[in-house]
């Protein structure tokens, strides 16, 4: 019997992948684990508000992972990864 973890896939937008590569190595490890943990609990991040209420944000120290969970497709789509002071600025 397969677990739910095997059913949920992770997709990372091109921009988020670039942001991930620019992070320090130790932060990359923490962020990578946090994203992988979303397979087990895709609603772990807090819902955002306003025009971004369809998105969620996951805290990893002072960094944030902004993502959307597409329940109908069982996909976590990572949109942005960055420091909390900059991440929300150009989210549009």
PDB file of N, CA and C in Angstrom:
ATOM      1  N   UNK A   1       0.847  -1.183   0.000  1.00  0.00           N
ATOM      2  CA  UNK A   1       0.000   0.000   0.000  1.00  0.00           C
ATOM      3  C   UNK A   1       0.887   1.239   0.000  1.00  0.00           C
ATOM      4  N   UNK A   2       0.656   2.155  -0.915  1.00  0.00           N
ATOM      5  CA  UNK A   2       1.500   3.345  -0.984  1.00  0.00           C
ATOM      6  C   UNK A   2       1.006   4.411  -0.022  1.00  0.00           C
ATOM      7  N   UNK A   3       1.932   5.150   0.521  1.00  0.00           N
ATOM      8  CA  UNK A   3       1.560   6.210   1.454  1.00  0.00           C
ATOM      9  C   UNK A   3       1.206   7.475   0.686  1.00  0.00           C
ATOM     10  N   UNK A   4       0.575   8.399   1.379  1.00  0.00           N
ATOM     11  CA  UNK A   4       0.213   9.681   0.764  1.00  0.00           C
ATOM     12  C   UNK A   4       1.459  10.425   0.302  1.00  0.00           C
ATOM     13  N   UNK A   5       2.577  10.220   1.017  1.00  0.00           N
ATOM     14  CA  UNK A   5       3.824  10.894   0.669  1.00  0.00           C
ATOM     15  C   UNK A   5       4.239  10.563  -0.766  1.00  0.00           C
ATOM     16  N   UNK A   6       3.991   9.353  -1.186  1.00  0.00           N
ATOM     17  CA  UNK A   6       4.355   8.941  -2.538  1.00  0.00           C
ATOM     18  C   UNK A   6       3.419   9.515  -3.590  1.00  0.00           C
ATOM     19  N   UNK A   7       2.244   9.944  -3.175  1.00  0.00           N
ATOM     20  CA  UNK A   7       1.262  10.447  -4.123  1.00  0.00           C
ATOM     21  C   UNK A   7       1.457  11.916  -4.462  1.00  0.00           C
ATOM     22  N   UNK A   8       1.975  12.695  -3.525  1.00  0.00           N
ATOM     23  CA  UNK A   8       2.124  14.140  -3.730  1.00  0.00           C
ATOM     24  C   UNK A   8       3.469  14.430  -4.383  1.00  0.00           C
ATOM     25  N   UNK A   9       3.417  15.146  -5.497  1.00  0.00           N
ATOM     26  CA  UNK A   9       4.669  15.507  -6.173  1.00  0.00           C
ATOM     27  C   UNK A   9       5.003  16.977  -5.900  1.00  0.00           C
ATOM     28  N   UNK A  10       6.268  17.286  -6.058  1.00  0.00           N
ATOM     29  CA  UNK A  10       6.771  18.646  -5.851  1.00  0.00           C
ATOM     30  C   UNK A  10       7.240  19.190  -7.198  1.00  0.00           C
ATOM     31  N   UNK A  11       6.761  20.363  -7.555  1.00  0.00           N
ATOM     32  CA  UNK A  11       7.226  21.057  -8.756  1.00  0.00           C
ATOM     33  C   UNK A  11       7.804  22.391  -8.313  1.00  0.00           C
ATOM     34  N   UNK A  12       8.943  22.749  -8.868  1.00  0.00           N
ATOM     35  CA  UNK A  12       9.603  23.998  -8.490  1.00  0.00           C
ATOM     36  C   UNK A  12       9.711  24.899  -9.719  1.00  0.00           C
ATOM     37  N   UNK A  13       9.134  26.071  -9.607  1.00  0.00           N
ATOM     38  CA  UNK A  13       9.205  27.046 -10.701  1.00  0.00           C
ATOM     39  C   UNK A  13      10.662  27.411 -10.985  1.00  0.00           C
ATOM     40  N   UNK A  14      10.938  27.820 -12.191  1.00  0.00           N
ATOM     41  CA  UNK A  14      12.299  28.170 -12.609  1.00  0.00           C
ATOM     42  C   UNK A  14      12.902  29.250 -11.710  1.00  0.00           C
ATOM     43  N   UNK A  15      12.122  30.256 -11.392  1.00  0.00           N
ATOM     44  CA  UNK A  15      12.612  31.352 -10.548  1.00  0.00           C
ATOM     45  C   UNK A  15      12.953  30.862  -9.142  1.00  0.00           C
ATOM     46  N   UNK A  16      12.111  29.998  -8.580  1.00  0.00           N
ATOM     47  CA  UNK A  16      12.365  29.451  -7.246  1.00  0.00           C
ATOM     48  C   UNK A  16      13.620  28.581  -7.252  1.00  0.00           C
ATOM     49  N   UNK A  17      13.841  27.836  -8.317  1.00  0.00           N
ATOM     50  CA  UNK A  17      15.035  26.998  -8.424  1.00  0.00           C
ATOM     51  C   UNK A  17      16.295  27.873  -8.434  1.00  0.00           C
ATOM     52  N   UNK A  18      16.227  28.999  -9.138  1.00  0.00           N
ATOM     53  CA  UNK A  18      17.360  29.926  -9.174  1.00  0.00           C
ATOM     54  C   UNK A  18      17.604  30.516  -7.782  1.00  0.00           C
ATOM     55  N   UNK A  19      16.520  30.907  -7.114  1.00  0.00           N
ATOM     56  CA  UNK A  19      16.642  31.468  -5.761  1.00  0.00           C
ATOM     57  C   UNK A  19      17.230  30.437  -4.805  1.00  0.00           C
ATOM     58  N   UNK A  20      16.834  29.180  -4.974  1.00  0.00           N
ATOM     59  CA  UNK A  20      17.355  28.108  -4.126  1.00  0.00           C
ATOM     60  C   UNK A  20      18.863  27.954  -4.314  1.00  0.00           C
ATOM     61  N   UNK A  21      19.314  27.966  -5.561  1.00  0.00           N
ATOM     62  CA  UNK A  21      20.752  27.806  -5.852  1.00  0.00           C
ATOM     63  C   UNK A  21      21.591  28.937  -5.269  1.00  0.00           C
ATOM     64  N   UNK A  22      20.994  30.108  -5.083  1.00  0.00           N
ATOM     65  CA  UNK A  22      21.717  31.257  -4.551  1.00  0.00           C
ATOM     66  C   UNK A  22      21.787  31.278  -3.025  1.00  0.00           C
ATOM     67  N   UNK A  23      21.076  30.374  -2.363  1.00  0.00           N
ATOM     68  CA  UNK A  23      21.100  30.309  -0.897  1.00  0.00           C
ATOM     69  C   UNK A  23      22.405  29.675  -0.408  1.00  0.00           C
ATOM     70  N   UNK A  24      22.830  30.016   0.816  1.00  0.00           N
ATOM     71  CA  UNK A  24      23.991  29.330   1.409  1.00  0.00           C
ATOM     72  C   UNK A  24      23.701  27.830   1.544  1.00  0.00           C
ATOM     73  N   UNK A  25      24.735  27.004   1.462  1.00  0.00           N
ATOM     74  CA  UNK A  25      24.590  25.536   1.491  1.00  0.00           C
ATOM     75  C   UNK A  25      23.770  25.026   2.672  1.00  0.00           C
ATOM     76  N   UNK A  26      24.060  25.535   3.867  1.00  0.00           N
ATOM     77  CA  UNK A  26      23.336  25.064   5.056  1.00  0.00           C
ATOM     78  C   UNK A  26      21.846  25.403   4.967  1.00  0.00           C
ATOM     79  N   UNK A  27      21.549  26.566   4.431  1.00  0.00           N
ATOM     80  CA  UNK A  27      20.148  26.972   4.265  1.00  0.00           C
ATOM     81  C   UNK A  27      19.491  26.092   3.202  1.00  0.00           C
ATOM     82  N   UNK A  28      20.225  25.766   2.147  1.00  0.00           N
ATOM     83  CA  UNK A  28      19.695  24.884   1.107  1.00  0.00           C
ATOM     84  C   UNK A  28      19.248  23.555   1.708  1.00  0.00           C
ATOM     85  N   UNK A  29      20.051  23.006   2.619  1.00  0.00           N
ATOM     86  CA  UNK A  29      19.696  21.731   3.250  1.00  0.00           C
ATOM     87  C   UNK A  29      18.397  21.854   4.023  1.00  0.00           C
ATOM     88  N   UNK A  30      18.257  22.924   4.813  1.00  0.00           N
ATOM     89  CA  UNK A  30      17.048  23.127   5.614  1.00  0.00           C
ATOM     90  C   UNK A  30      15.826  23.334   4.727  1.00  0.00           C
ATOM     91  N   UNK A  31      15.976  24.149   3.694  1.00  0.00           N
ATOM     92  CA  UNK A  31      14.867  24.436   2.785  1.00  0.00           C
ATOM     93  C   UNK A  31      14.472  23.174   2.025  1.00  0.00           C
ATOM     94  N   UNK A  32      15.454  22.416   1.578  1.00  0.00           N
ATOM     95  CA  UNK A  32      15.191  21.180   0.848  1.00  0.00           C
ATOM     96  C   UNK A  32      14.394  20.197   1.703  1.00  0.00           C
ATOM     97  N   UNK A  33      14.787  20.055   2.959  1.00  0.00           N
ATOM     98  CA  UNK A  33      14.058  19.156   3.864  1.00  0.00           C
ATOM     99  C   UNK A  33      12.641  19.656   4.100  1.00  0.00           C
ATOM    100  N   UNK A  34      12.482  20.967   4.302  1.00  0.00           N
ATOM    101  CA  UNK A  34      11.155  21.542   4.538  1.00  0.00           C
ATOM    102  C   UNK A  34      10.241  21.315   3.329  1.00  0.00           C
ATOM    103  N   UNK A  35      10.788  21.490   2.128  1.00  0.00           N
ATOM    104  CA  UNK A  35       9.986  21.270   0.919  1.00  0.00           C
ATOM    105  C   UNK A  35       9.619  19.796   0.800  1.00  0.00           C
ATOM    106  N   UNK A  36      10.560  18.911   1.078  1.00  0.00           N
ATOM    107  CA  UNK A  36      10.280  17.479   1.009  1.00  0.00           C
ATOM    108  C   UNK A  36       9.210  17.080   2.031  1.00  0.00           C
ATOM    109  N   UNK A  37       9.232  17.709   3.200  1.00  0.00           N
ATOM    110  CA  UNK A  37       8.230  17.425   4.232  1.00  0.00           C
ATOM    111  C   UNK A  37       6.815  17.821   3.791  1.00  0.00           C
ATOM    112  N   UNK A  38       6.718  18.711   2.803  1.00  0.00           N
ATOM    113  CA  UNK A  38       5.402  19.105   2.295  1.00  0.00           C
ATOM    114  C   UNK A  38       4.693  17.936   1.618  1.00  0.00           C
ATOM    115  N   UNK A  39       5.443  16.926   1.204  1.00  0.00           N
ATOM    116  CA  UNK A  39       4.815  15.721   0.633  1.00  0.00           C
ATOM    117  C   UNK A  39       3.924  15.049   1.677  1.00  0.00           C
ATOM    118  N   UNK A  40       4.379  15.070   2.915  1.00  0.00           N
ATOM    119  CA  UNK A  40       3.644  14.450   4.012  1.00  0.00           C
ATOM    120  C   UNK A  40       2.482  15.322   4.487  1.00  0.00           C
ATOM    121  N   UNK A  41       2.721  16.639   4.545  1.00  0.00           N
ATOM    122  CA  UNK A  41       1.702  17.572   5.021  1.00  0.00           C
ATOM    123  C   UNK A  41       1.736  18.834   4.155  1.00  0.00           C
ATOM    124  N   UNK A  42       1.053  18.826   3.017  1.00  0.00           N
ATOM    125  CA  UNK A  42       1.116  19.966   2.092  1.00  0.00           C
ATOM    126  C   UNK A  42       0.470  21.244   2.623  1.00  0.00           C
ATOM    127  N   UNK A  43      -0.264  21.138   3.716  1.00  0.00           N
ATOM    128  CA  UNK A  43      -0.893  22.325   4.286  1.00  0.00           C
ATOM    129  C   UNK A  43      -0.142  22.827   5.510  1.00  0.00           C
ATOM    130  N   UNK A  44       1.121  22.436   5.646  1.00  0.00           N
ATOM    131  CA  UNK A  44       1.934  22.828   6.806  1.00  0.00           C
ATOM    132  C   UNK A  44       2.179  24.329   6.855  1.00  0.00           C
ATOM    133  N   UNK A  45       2.321  24.953   5.709  1.00  0.00           N
ATOM    134  CA  UNK A  45       2.561  26.390   5.668  1.00  0.00           C
ATOM    135  C   UNK A  45       1.306  27.181   5.987  1.00  0.00           C
ATOM    136  N   UNK A  46       1.506  28.392   6.448  1.00  0.00           N
ATOM    137  CA  UNK A  46       0.372  29.268   6.770  1.00  0.00           C
ATOM    138  C   UNK A  46      -0.222  29.857   5.501  1.00  0.00           C
ATOM    139  N   UNK A  47      -1.554  29.990   5.456  1.00  0.00           N
ATOM    140  CA  UNK A  47      -2.159  30.632   4.292  1.00  0.00           C
ATOM    141  C   UNK A  47      -1.802  32.116   4.269  1.00  0.00           C
ATOM    142  N   UNK A  48      -1.616  32.640   3.077  1.00  0.00           N
ATOM    143  CA  UNK A  48      -1.335  34.062   2.932  1.00  0.00           C
ATOM    144  C   UNK A  48      -2.673  34.803   2.868  1.00  0.00           C
ATOM    145  N   UNK A  49      -2.605  36.120   2.896  1.00  0.00           N
ATOM    146  CA  UNK A  49      -3.840  36.906   2.920  1.00  0.00           C
ATOM    147  C   UNK A  49      -3.947  37.788   1.683  1.00  0.00           C
ATOM    148  N   UNK A  50      -5.070  38.446   1.581  1.00  0.00           N
ATOM    149  CA  UNK A  50      -5.299  39.381   0.484  1.00  0.00           C
ATOM    150  C   UNK A  50      -5.355  38.698  -0.860  1.00  0.00           C
ATOM    151  N   UNK A  51      -4.730  39.324  -1.838  1.00  0.00           N
ATOM    152  CA  UNK A  51      -4.775  38.784  -3.199  1.00  0.00           C
ATOM    153  C   UNK A  51      -3.979  37.489  -3.335  1.00  0.00           C
ATOM    154  N   UNK A  52      -3.193  37.146  -2.318  1.00  0.00           N
ATOM    155  CA  UNK A  52      -2.390  35.927  -2.356  1.00  0.00           C
ATOM    156  C   UNK A  52      -2.968  34.827  -1.471  1.00  0.00           C
ATOM    157  N   UNK A  53      -4.256  34.907  -1.152  1.00  0.00           N
ATOM    158  CA  UNK A  53      -4.852  33.935  -0.225  1.00  0.00           C
ATOM    159  C   UNK A  53      -4.868  32.515  -0.787  1.00  0.00           C
ATOM    160  N   UNK A  54      -4.640  32.348  -2.073  1.00  0.00           N
ATOM    161  CA  UNK A  54      -4.567  31.011  -2.668  1.00  0.00           C
ATOM    162  C   UNK A  54      -3.181  30.378  -2.475  1.00  0.00           C
ATOM    163  N   UNK A  55      -2.234  31.158  -1.919  1.00  0.00           N
ATOM    164  CA  UNK A  55      -0.876  30.679  -1.688  1.00  0.00           C
ATOM    165  C   UNK A  55      -0.637  30.417  -0.206  1.00  0.00           C
ATOM    166  N   UNK A  56       0.431  29.681   0.072  1.00  0.00           N
ATOM    167  CA  UNK A  56       0.829  29.405   1.453  1.00  0.00           C
ATOM    168  C   UNK A  56       2.300  29.768   1.603  1.00  0.00           C
ATOM    169  N   UNK A  57       2.711  30.034   2.848  1.00  0.00           N
ATOM    170  CA  UNK A  57       4.106  30.357   3.117  1.00  0.00           C
ATOM    171  C   UNK A  57       4.624  29.438   4.214  1.00  0.00           C
ATOM    172  N   UNK A  58       5.821  28.960   4.017  1.00  0.00           N
ATOM    173  CA  UNK A  58       6.433  28.041   4.958  1.00  0.00           C
ATOM    174  C   UNK A  58       7.681  28.704   5.518  1.00  0.00           C
ATOM    175  N   UNK A  59       7.771  28.735   6.832  1.00  0.00           N
ATOM    176  CA  UNK A  59       8.906  29.368   7.504  1.00  0.00           C
ATOM    177  C   UNK A  59      10.044  28.362   7.678  1.00  0.00           C
ATOM    178  N   UNK A  60      11.235  28.772   7.238  1.00  0.00           N
ATOM    179  CA  UNK A  60      12.448  27.979   7.431  1.00  0.00           C
ATOM    180  C   UNK A  60      13.492  28.955   7.975  1.00  0.00           C
ATOM    181  N   UNK A  61      13.523  29.135   9.289  1.00  0.00           N
ATOM    182  CA  UNK A  61      14.385  30.149   9.890  1.00  0.00           C
ATOM    183  C   UNK A  61      13.939  31.522   9.441  1.00  0.00           C
ATOM    184  N   UNK A  62      14.879  32.315   8.908  1.00  0.00           N
ATOM    185  CA  UNK A  62      14.523  33.649   8.404  1.00  0.00           C
ATOM    186  C   UNK A  62      14.150  33.607   6.926  1.00  0.00           C
ATOM    187  N   UNK A  63      14.082  32.429   6.359  1.00  0.00           N
ATOM    188  CA  UNK A  63      13.722  32.259   4.953  1.00  0.00           C
ATOM    189  C   UNK A  63      12.280  31.782   4.845  1.00  0.00           C
ATOM    190  N   UNK A  64      11.680  32.044   3.683  1.00  0.00           N
ATOM    191  CA  UNK A  64      10.313  31.625   3.425  1.00  0.00           C
ATOM    192  C   UNK A  64      10.246  30.889   2.096  1.00  0.00           C
ATOM    193  N   UNK A  65       9.362  29.901   2.071  1.00  0.00           N
ATOM    194  CA  UNK A  65       9.039  29.190   0.838  1.00  0.00           C
ATOM    195  C   UNK A  65       7.579  29.514   0.550  1.00  0.00           C
ATOM    196  N   UNK A  66       7.319  30.132  -0.586  1.00  0.00           N
ATOM    197  CA  UNK A  66       5.953  30.463  -0.986  1.00  0.00           C
ATOM    198  C   UNK A  66       5.526  29.410  -2.008  1.00  0.00           C
ATOM    199  N   UNK A  67       4.384  28.781  -1.740  1.00  0.00           N
ATOM    200  CA  UNK A  67       3.952  27.692  -2.604  1.00  0.00           C
ATOM    201  C   UNK A  67       2.435  27.632  -2.697  1.00  0.00           C
ATOM    202  N   UNK A  68       1.980  26.847  -3.651  1.00  0.00           N
ATOM    203  CA  UNK A  68       0.555  26.574  -3.818  1.00  0.00           C
ATOM    204  C   UNK A  68       0.375  25.064  -3.780  1.00  0.00           C
ATOM    205  N   UNK A  69      -0.687  24.621  -3.142  1.00  0.00           N
ATOM    206  CA  UNK A  69      -1.008  23.199  -3.141  1.00  0.00           C
ATOM    207  C   UNK A  69      -2.198  22.982  -4.057  1.00  0.00           C
ATOM    208  N   UNK A  70      -1.983  22.216  -5.089  1.00  0.00           N
ATOM    209  CA  UNK A  70      -3.042  21.892  -6.053  1.00  0.00           C
ATOM    210  C   UNK A  70      -3.610  20.531  -5.682  1.00  0.00           C
ATOM    211  N   UNK A  71      -4.625  20.535  -4.821  1.00  0.00           N
ATOM    212  CA  UNK A  71      -5.189  19.294  -4.274  1.00  0.00           C
ATOM    213  C   UNK A  71      -5.730  18.373  -5.366  1.00  0.00           C
ATOM    214  N   UNK A  72      -6.335  18.953  -6.390  1.00  0.00           N
ATOM    215  CA  UNK A  72      -6.921  18.129  -7.445  1.00  0.00           C
ATOM    216  C   UNK A  72      -5.868  17.336  -8.224  1.00  0.00           C
ATOM    217  N   UNK A  73      -4.646  17.853  -8.272  1.00  0.00           N
ATOM    218  CA  UNK A  73      -3.549  17.169  -8.975  1.00  0.00           C
ATOM    219  C   UNK A  73      -2.531  16.555  -8.015  1.00  0.00           C
ATOM    220  N   UNK A  74      -2.722  16.781  -6.699  1.00  0.00           N
ATOM    221  CA  UNK A  74      -1.774  16.318  -5.676  1.00  0.00           C
ATOM    222  C   UNK A  74      -0.364  16.822  -5.973  1.00  0.00           C
ATOM    223  N   UNK A  75      -0.275  18.146  -6.192  1.00  0.00           N
ATOM    224  CA  UNK A  75       1.002  18.780  -6.522  1.00  0.00           C
ATOM    225  C   UNK A  75       1.239  19.965  -5.594  1.00  0.00           C
ATOM    226  N   UNK A  76       2.462  20.055  -5.072  1.00  0.00           N
ATOM    227  CA  UNK A  76       2.916  21.241  -4.360  1.00  0.00           C
ATOM    228  C   UNK A  76       3.775  22.012  -5.355  1.00  0.00           C
ATOM    229  N   UNK A  77       3.373  23.227  -5.674  1.00  0.00           N
ATOM    230  CA  UNK A  77       4.090  24.060  -6.633  1.00  0.00           C
ATOM    231  C   UNK A  77       4.840  25.152  -5.874  1.00  0.00           C
ATOM    232  N   UNK A  78       6.165  25.051  -5.832  1.00  0.00           N
ATOM    233  CA  UNK A  78       6.999  26.040  -5.136  1.00  0.00           C
ATOM    234  C   UNK A  78       7.227  27.212  -6.081  1.00  0.00           C
ATOM    235  N   UNK A  79       6.809  28.396  -5.626  1.00  0.00           N
ATOM    236  CA  UNK A  79       6.866  29.586  -6.473  1.00  0.00           C
ATOM    237  C   UNK A  79       8.061  30.481  -6.168  1.00  0.00           C
ATOM    238  N   UNK A  80       8.372  30.663  -4.897  1.00  0.00           N
ATOM    239  CA  UNK A  80       9.454  31.562  -4.494  1.00  0.00           C
ATOM    240  C   UNK A  80      10.149  31.016  -3.261  1.00  0.00           C
ATOM    241  N   UNK A  81      11.432  31.313  -3.140  1.00  0.00           N
ATOM    242  CA  UNK A  81      12.228  30.970  -1.963  1.00  0.00           C
ATOM    243  C   UNK A  81      13.125  32.164  -1.688  1.00  0.00           C
ATOM    244  N   UNK A  82      13.090  32.687  -0.462  1.00  0.00           N
ATOM    245  CA  UNK A  82      13.954  33.819  -0.167  1.00  0.00           C
ATOM    246  C   UNK A  82      13.875  34.279   1.266  1.00  0.00           C
ATOM    247  N   UNK A  83      14.683  35.277   1.563  1.00  0.00           N
ATOM    248  CA  UNK A  83      14.726  35.865   2.898  1.00  0.00           C
ATOM    249  C   UNK A  83      13.400  36.561   3.167  1.00  0.00           C
ATOM    250  N   UNK A  84      12.961  36.513   4.413  1.00  0.00           N
ATOM    251  CA  UNK A  84      11.636  37.052   4.753  1.00  0.00           C
ATOM    252  C   UNK A  84      11.495  38.535   4.465  1.00  0.00           C
ATOM    253  N   UNK A  85      12.602  39.295   4.492  1.00  0.00           N
ATOM    254  CA  UNK A  85      12.482  40.736   4.251  1.00  0.00           C
ATOM    255  C   UNK A  85      12.279  41.061   2.770  1.00  0.00           C
ATOM    256  N   UNK A  86      12.615  40.124   1.878  1.00  0.00           N
ATOM    257  CA  UNK A  86      12.515  40.393   0.441  1.00  0.00           C
ATOM    258  C   UNK A  86      11.461  39.569  -0.285  1.00  0.00           C
ATOM    259  N   UNK A  87      11.061  38.474   0.271  1.00  0.00           N
ATOM    260  CA  UNK A  87      10.268  37.482  -0.461  1.00  0.00           C
ATOM    261  C   UNK A  87       8.921  38.012  -0.957  1.00  0.00           C
ATOM    262  N   UNK A  88       8.272  38.846  -0.174  1.00  0.00           N
ATOM    263  CA  UNK A  88       6.921  39.275  -0.523  1.00  0.00           C
ATOM    264  C   UNK A  88       6.907  40.493  -1.462  1.00  0.00           C
ATOM    265  N   UNK A  89       8.048  41.154  -1.571  1.00  0.00           N
ATOM    266  CA  UNK A  89       8.133  42.405  -2.332  1.00  0.00           C
ATOM    267  C   UNK A  89       7.697  42.253  -3.782  1.00  0.00           C
ATOM    268  N   UNK A  90       8.290  41.318  -4.508  1.00  0.00           N
ATOM    269  CA  UNK A  90       7.916  41.161  -5.925  1.00  0.00           C
ATOM    270  C   UNK A  90       7.235  39.832  -6.186  1.00  0.00           C
ATOM    271  N   UNK A  91       6.280  39.511  -5.362  1.00  0.00           N
ATOM    272  CA  UNK A  91       5.552  38.255  -5.506  1.00  0.00           C
ATOM    273  C   UNK A  91       4.606  38.288  -6.703  1.00  0.00           C
ATOM    274  N   UNK A  92       4.167  39.458  -7.061  1.00  0.00           N
ATOM    275  CA  UNK A  92       3.219  39.589  -8.177  1.00  0.00           C
ATOM    276  C   UNK A  92       3.877  39.122  -9.428  1.00  0.00           C
TER     277      UNK A  92
END
